[in-house]
Structures are given as structure tokens and as C-alpha cells.
Amino acid sequence: MKADIHPKLNPIAFVDVSTGTKYLTRSTMRGSKTETIDGVDYQVVICDITADSHPAFTGEKRFVDTAGRVEKFQSKFTRRR
């Protein structure tokens, strides 16, 4: 087997932008900043959406405006004589 072909695992802190929740794990990714948590230096990776803020995991209902869709479709694709 070849030596030193695998990427190095680093301690990573994934941070959710909207909630501020931190997920501490290991990954081959590298962050732009480092932060010391419980004596361990974690590389910080900023995430827009995580399980803490995604509507599929939180059960949050979002209002989607469906009124007028049929009328918009009909006005767009009806033939004018």
C-alpha cells in the first residue's frame, strides 16, 4: 500500500449562519478561521443551512403564494384571435 495518500482529518466546527449552532466533527475540509473549543483547535466552516435551520428538519411551514397561478398560465398560453 502507498503511504501518505489519504487526506488528513481535521477537527471542524460547522456553524449555522441563521441560528449560530455549532456542529463539532472531523472532516478533510479546511476553514478560513480557527476557534478553540474545550482545548481543541477547530477550523470553522460557515454554512447557510444545516439540520438546525432547514424547514424539512424543523417542521416549519412556509407560505407559498399559489393564488393566481392558473390565471397567469391561461393568460400566457391562450391564443388571441
Foldseek 3Di string as FASTA:
>chain_A
DDPPPDADKFWAWEAAPPPRDTDTDIDSDAAPDWDADPNGIHGYDYDPDDLVPDCVNVVDDDDDDPPPPVVVVCVVPPDDD
